[in-house]
Amino acid sequence: MRSIETTTPATPMAGPHGYTLPLSPSGGSAMVTPPPWHFSGDVIMVDYRVDPAAAARFLPPELEPGPDPGEAAAIFAEWQWCSESGAELADPARCRFAEFLILISCRYRGRHLARCPYAWVDSPVPLMRGWIQGMPKQFGTVHQIRPVAVGRAGPRLAGGGRFGGVLSVDGRRTAEATVTLDGRIDRPPPLHTVPLVHTRLFPSWVPSEAPLNRLVVSEVTDIEFSDIWAGSADLRLLDVPDADLAGLAPVEVGRGYVFSYAETLHHGRPLTDDDR
């Protein structure tokens, strides 16, 4: 979607350190820099419905199905990101990644939230950053069609524009979607506007330790949407890697959307009664 609010020390620590491994004398070798993290991306999203019983099996006991049980969404996104310094933007290989994720609707004490049971990314930094947040990220290959402003080698953000995304996992084509635009809409898709609730899970390694298992939500600011285009959609899960994911295959496909989106992710916090 985690109480991880950590800042770079004002004075050097004794010995190697860092926000994440690997530790080094300066702390600059860490794979992930401390938040806040800024994201800007291009999104292809499809609303769909799953079997409500299958969706409910992905919810921990503290959560219950959303106001519309079986409501789900599939999202393809190509992102650029940077930390507060913006230094990553000087390295396109580091600051860009692609992602595919599934969302299912849920509630916590009456508050509408979304749960991400599966996500795939194509780069190690967002994978590790996702695990810090509690997002269940895995490696995959993600591609999507981008809009063009000139020429014929791509769709325009206009009626009739046709956009698509593909996810491959371990060389197997796992998910694909297409959206054919028919007009702009005034408000974002429902599951792109509710907070995400994740599980920060770290198994115990030392026998005397208890594993970390905590529901968290994210503190997010500076949310921006571009114009949002919508249209008819198709979504398929194909050669899925496990039977649980197969249970989230579409039983009905709704509308599709194409838009740009931005946010700043600051840290997480435990899910509490304040989230009612």
Protein backbone atom coordinates (compact mmCIF):
# COMPACT_ATOMS: atom_id res chain seq x y z
CA MET A 1 0.00 0.00 0.00
CA ARG A 2 4.40 -0.20 8.21
CA SER A 3 5.88 2.02 10.51
CA ILE A 4 9.11 2.71 8.61
CA GLU A 5 9.67 6.41 9.02
CA THR A 6 13.45 6.55 8.88
CA THR A 7 15.74 9.44 8.00
CA THR A 8 19.41 9.69 7.15
CA PRO A 9 21.39 10.40 10.35
CA ALA A 10 22.55 13.98 10.79
CA THR A 11 25.99 12.72 11.90
CA PRO A 12 27.84 9.66 10.59
CA MET A 13 27.13 6.41 12.43
CA ALA A 14 29.91 4.26 13.78
CA GLY A 15 30.54 1.44 11.37
CA PRO A 16 28.77 0.61 8.12
CA HIS A 17 25.13 1.63 7.87
CA GLY A 18 22.30 2.32 5.42
CA TYR A 19 18.53 2.47 5.07
CA THR A 20 18.66 -1.06 3.65
CA LEU A 21 21.38 -3.58 2.88
CA PRO A 22 24.12 -3.43 1.73
CA LEU A 23 25.65 -1.44 4.57
CA SER A 24 28.68 0.74 3.87
CA PRO A 25 30.78 3.36 5.68
CA SER A 26 28.81 6.26 4.16
CA GLY A 27 25.43 4.51 3.91
CA GLY A 28 25.34 5.37 0.21
CA SER A 29 25.53 1.75 -0.96
CA ALA A 30 22.04 0.88 0.32
CA MET A 31 19.84 -0.57 -2.41
CA VAL A 32 16.87 1.61 -1.32
CA THR A 33 17.13 5.24 -0.28
CA PRO A 34 15.02 6.55 2.62
CA PRO A 35 11.56 7.95 1.84
CA PRO A 36 9.96 10.14 0.71
CA TRP A 37 9.77 8.59 -2.75
CA HIS A 38 8.23 10.50 -5.65
CA PHE A 39 6.47 8.63 -8.49
CA SER A 40 5.14 9.71 -11.89
CA GLY A 41 3.69 7.14 -14.24
CA ASP A 42 1.51 6.19 -17.19
CA VAL A 43 -1.30 3.79 -16.29
CA ILE A 44 -3.53 1.33 -18.12
CA MET A 45 -6.23 0.09 -15.74
CA VAL A 46 -9.14 -2.32 -16.15
CA ASP A 47 -12.02 -2.74 -13.71
CA TYR A 48 -13.25 -6.29 -13.41
CA ARG A 49 -15.05 -8.73 -11.14
CA VAL A 50 -13.75 -11.88 -9.50
CA ASP A 51 -15.54 -14.64 -7.65
CA PRO A 52 -16.31 -12.96 -4.27
CA ALA A 53 -15.49 -16.16 -2.39
CA ALA A 54 -12.08 -16.33 -4.07
CA ALA A 55 -11.36 -12.68 -3.23
CA ALA A 56 -12.39 -13.18 0.40
CA ARG A 57 -9.79 -15.92 0.81
CA PHE A 58 -7.07 -13.33 0.18
CA LEU A 59 -8.22 -11.11 3.05
CA PRO A 60 -6.67 -11.40 6.53
CA PRO A 61 -9.14 -11.78 9.43
CA GLU A 62 -9.09 -8.06 10.25
CA LEU A 63 -10.48 -7.17 6.81
CA GLU A 64 -13.82 -7.95 5.24
CA PRO A 65 -15.02 -7.83 1.62
CA GLY A 66 -15.60 -4.39 0.18
CA PRO A 67 -18.98 -2.74 -0.31
CA ASP A 68 -19.13 -4.43 -3.72
CA PRO A 69 -17.74 -7.95 -3.06
CA GLY A 70 -15.81 -9.20 -6.06
CA GLU A 71 -14.78 -5.70 -7.20
CA ALA A 72 -11.23 -5.85 -8.58
CA ALA A 73 -8.84 -4.03 -10.88
CA ALA A 74 -5.78 -4.87 -12.95
CA ILE A 75 -3.16 -2.17 -13.45
CA PHE A 76 -0.24 -1.84 -15.85
CA ALA A 77 2.06 1.10 -15.14
CA GLU A 78 5.36 2.51 -16.33
CA TRP A 79 6.98 4.62 -13.64
CA GLN A 80 9.73 7.14 -13.09
CA TRP A 81 10.70 7.67 -9.47
CA CYS A 82 13.20 9.56 -7.37
CA SER A 83 14.08 10.21 -3.76
CA GLU A 84 13.97 13.67 -2.24
CA SER A 85 17.29 14.65 -3.80
CA GLY A 86 16.15 13.70 -7.32
CA ALA A 87 19.56 12.15 -7.95
CA GLU A 88 18.07 9.00 -9.48
CA LEU A 89 16.70 10.99 -12.43
CA ALA A 90 20.24 11.26 -13.80
CA ASP A 91 20.22 7.49 -14.36
CA PRO A 92 17.31 6.28 -16.53
CA ALA A 93 18.20 2.64 -15.90
CA ARG A 94 17.67 3.20 -12.18
CA CYS A 95 14.71 5.57 -12.09
CA ARG A 96 12.42 3.74 -14.52
CA PHE A 97 10.48 0.52 -13.99
CA ALA A 98 7.31 -1.22 -15.11
CA GLU A 99 4.70 -2.87 -12.92
CA PHE A 100 1.58 -5.01 -13.05
CA LEU A 101 -0.67 -5.46 -10.03
CA ILE A 102 -4.09 -6.71 -9.03
CA LEU A 103 -6.34 -4.92 -6.51
CA ILE A 104 -9.37 -6.30 -4.70
CA SER A 105 -11.90 -4.28 -2.75
CA CYS A 106 -12.03 -4.63 1.03
CA ARG A 107 -13.11 -2.83 4.20
CA TYR A 108 -11.71 -2.20 7.64
CA ARG A 109 -14.43 -1.36 10.19
CA GLY A 110 -16.55 0.17 7.45
CA ARG A 111 -13.80 2.09 5.65
CA HIS A 112 -13.34 1.25 1.97
CA LEU A 113 -9.78 0.11 1.18
CA ALA A 114 -8.03 -1.95 -1.47
CA ARG A 115 -5.78 -4.97 -1.08
CA CYS A 116 -3.00 -5.96 -3.48
CA PRO A 117 -2.67 -9.78 -3.47
CA TYR A 118 -0.19 -9.90 -6.38
CA ALA A 119 2.28 -7.51 -8.01
CA TRP A 120 5.18 -7.88 -10.44
CA VAL A 121 7.99 -5.46 -11.28
CA ASP A 122 10.96 -5.64 -13.64
CA SER A 123 13.66 -4.11 -11.45
CA PRO A 124 15.25 -5.01 -8.08
CA VAL A 125 14.91 -1.62 -6.36
CA PRO A 126 11.09 -1.42 -6.63
CA LEU A 127 10.92 -5.07 -5.63
CA MET A 128 12.82 -4.42 -2.41
CA ARG A 129 10.95 -1.16 -1.81
CA GLY A 130 7.68 -3.04 -2.19
CA TRP A 131 8.69 -5.59 0.44
CA ILE A 132 9.51 -2.74 2.85
CA GLN A 133 5.98 -1.41 2.32
CA GLY A 134 4.37 -4.85 2.54
CA MET A 135 3.55 -5.12 -1.16
CA PRO A 136 3.89 -8.72 -2.47
CA LYS A 137 6.15 -7.85 -5.40
CA GLN A 138 7.77 -10.48 -7.59
CA PHE A 139 9.89 -10.31 -10.73
CA GLY A 140 8.11 -10.22 -14.08
CA THR A 141 8.40 -8.72 -17.54
CA VAL A 142 5.87 -5.94 -18.13
CA HIS A 143 5.21 -4.06 -21.38
CA GLN A 144 2.53 -1.60 -22.38
CA ILE A 145 1.61 0.58 -25.34
CA ARG A 146 2.31 4.28 -24.90
CA PRO A 147 0.39 7.16 -26.45
CA VAL A 148 2.08 9.13 -29.23
CA ALA A 149 1.72 12.79 -30.13
CA VAL A 150 3.02 12.46 -33.72
CA GLY A 151 3.12 9.74 -36.33
CA ARG A 152 1.26 6.47 -36.73
CA ALA A 153 3.37 4.16 -34.57
CA GLY A 154 1.00 4.24 -31.62
CA PRO A 155 -2.42 5.36 -30.40
CA ARG A 156 -3.44 8.90 -29.52
CA LEU A 157 -5.20 9.86 -26.32
CA ALA A 158 -8.45 10.26 -28.21
CA GLY A 159 -11.55 8.33 -29.12
CA GLY A 160 -10.60 5.10 -30.88
CA GLY A 161 -7.11 4.91 -29.33
CA ARG A 162 -6.29 1.31 -28.46
CA PHE A 163 -3.88 0.54 -25.63
CA GLY A 164 -2.56 -2.75 -24.34
CA GLY A 165 -0.40 -4.29 -21.64
CA VAL A 166 1.24 -7.69 -21.20
CA LEU A 167 2.78 -9.45 -18.19
CA SER A 168 5.13 -12.43 -18.55
CA VAL A 169 6.35 -14.43 -15.56
CA ASP A 170 9.26 -16.87 -15.95
CA GLY A 171 8.82 -16.71 -19.72
CA ARG A 172 5.09 -17.45 -19.58
CA ARG A 173 2.51 -14.94 -20.82
CA THR A 174 0.48 -14.49 -17.65
CA ALA A 175 -1.83 -11.49 -18.14
CA GLU A 176 -2.89 -9.24 -20.98
CA ALA A 177 -5.29 -6.34 -21.30
CA THR A 178 -6.55 -3.98 -23.99
CA VAL A 179 -8.48 -0.71 -23.67
CA THR A 180 -10.18 1.07 -26.59
CA LEU A 181 -10.96 4.66 -25.68
CA ASP A 182 -14.31 6.32 -26.30
CA GLY A 183 -14.11 9.49 -24.20
CA ARG A 184 -12.88 11.34 -21.14
CA ILE A 185 -14.36 10.96 -17.66
CA ASP A 186 -14.51 13.40 -14.75
CA ARG A 187 -13.33 11.23 -11.86
CA PRO A 188 -10.69 8.53 -11.35
CA PRO A 189 -11.52 4.81 -11.30
CA PRO A 190 -12.84 3.78 -7.86
CA LEU A 191 -10.05 1.42 -6.77
CA HIS A 192 -7.39 3.99 -7.71
CA THR A 193 -8.67 6.45 -5.11
CA VAL A 194 -8.86 4.35 -1.93
CA PRO A 195 -5.91 3.63 0.39
CA LEU A 196 -4.06 0.35 -0.02
CA VAL A 197 -3.69 -1.94 2.98
CA HIS A 198 -0.65 -4.25 2.97
CA THR A 199 0.86 -6.87 5.22
CA ARG A 200 4.43 -6.24 6.36
CA LEU A 201 5.63 -9.80 6.68
CA PHE A 202 9.17 -10.80 7.64
CA PRO A 203 9.67 -14.38 8.78
CA SER A 204 11.78 -15.13 11.83
CA TRP A 205 15.36 -16.25 11.19
CA VAL A 206 16.61 -16.47 14.75
CA PRO A 207 14.55 -19.18 16.51
CA SER A 208 13.74 -16.94 19.49
CA GLU A 209 12.38 -14.14 17.29
CA ALA A 210 8.72 -13.65 16.48
CA PRO A 211 7.95 -12.99 12.80
CA LEU A 212 6.73 -9.53 11.85
CA ASN A 213 3.14 -9.65 10.60
CA ARG A 214 1.34 -6.30 10.62
CA LEU A 215 -1.33 -4.58 8.54
CA VAL A 216 -0.23 -1.14 7.37
CA VAL A 217 -1.42 1.72 5.19
CA SER A 218 0.67 4.33 3.41
CA GLU A 219 0.97 8.04 4.02
CA VAL A 220 0.71 9.58 0.54
CA THR A 221 0.62 13.21 -0.59
CA ASP A 222 0.85 15.25 -3.81
CA ILE A 223 -1.56 13.01 -5.72
CA GLU A 224 -2.17 14.19 -9.28
CA PHE A 225 -4.17 12.78 -12.18
CA SER A 226 -3.97 13.80 -15.81
CA ASP A 227 -7.07 13.77 -17.99
CA ILE A 228 -8.58 10.31 -17.67
CA TRP A 229 -9.69 8.52 -20.80
CA ALA A 230 -12.02 5.52 -20.61
CA GLY A 231 -13.40 2.88 -22.92
CA SER A 232 -14.22 -0.74 -23.49
CA ALA A 233 -11.74 -3.28 -22.17
CA ASP A 234 -10.60 -6.87 -22.32
CA LEU A 235 -8.59 -8.65 -19.62
CA ARG A 236 -7.30 -12.19 -19.46
CA LEU A 237 -5.18 -14.22 -17.06
CA LEU A 238 -3.42 -16.91 -19.09
CA ASP A 239 -0.59 -19.22 -18.03
CA VAL A 240 -0.74 -18.36 -14.32
CA PRO A 241 2.01 -19.62 -11.99
CA ASP A 242 -0.28 -20.91 -9.21
CA ALA A 243 -3.84 -22.00 -8.55
CA ASP A 244 -4.51 -19.17 -6.09
CA LEU A 245 -3.86 -16.53 -8.75
CA ALA A 246 -6.13 -18.45 -11.12
CA GLY A 247 -8.95 -17.83 -8.63
CA LEU A 248 -8.67 -14.11 -9.36
CA ALA A 249 -9.36 -14.51 -13.07
CA PRO A 250 -12.13 -12.26 -14.42
CA VAL A 251 -15.71 -13.47 -14.29
CA GLU A 252 -16.77 -10.13 -15.81
CA VAL A 253 -14.74 -7.28 -17.34
CA GLY A 254 -15.81 -3.67 -16.94
CA ARG A 255 -14.36 -0.41 -18.21
CA GLY A 256 -10.75 0.39 -18.98
CA TYR A 257 -8.82 3.60 -18.36
CA VAL A 258 -5.66 5.33 -19.59
CA PHE A 259 -4.13 8.20 -17.62
CA SER A 260 -1.01 9.56 -15.96
CA TYR A 261 -0.66 9.59 -12.19
CA ALA A 262 1.74 10.96 -9.58
CA GLU A 263 2.18 10.68 -5.82
CA THR A 264 4.71 11.07 -3.03
CA LEU A 265 5.02 8.14 -0.62
CA HIS A 266 6.28 9.20 2.81
CA HIS A 267 6.06 6.19 5.11
CA GLY A 268 3.60 3.68 6.47
CA ARG A 269 1.61 3.39 9.65
CA PRO A 270 -0.22 0.56 11.38
CA LEU A 271 -3.87 0.05 10.50
CA THR A 272 -5.79 1.26 13.57
CA ASP A 273 -9.23 2.28 14.72
CA ASP A 274 -8.46 5.73 13.26
CA ASP A 275 -8.95 4.11 9.84
CA ARG A 276 -12.65 3.62 10.40
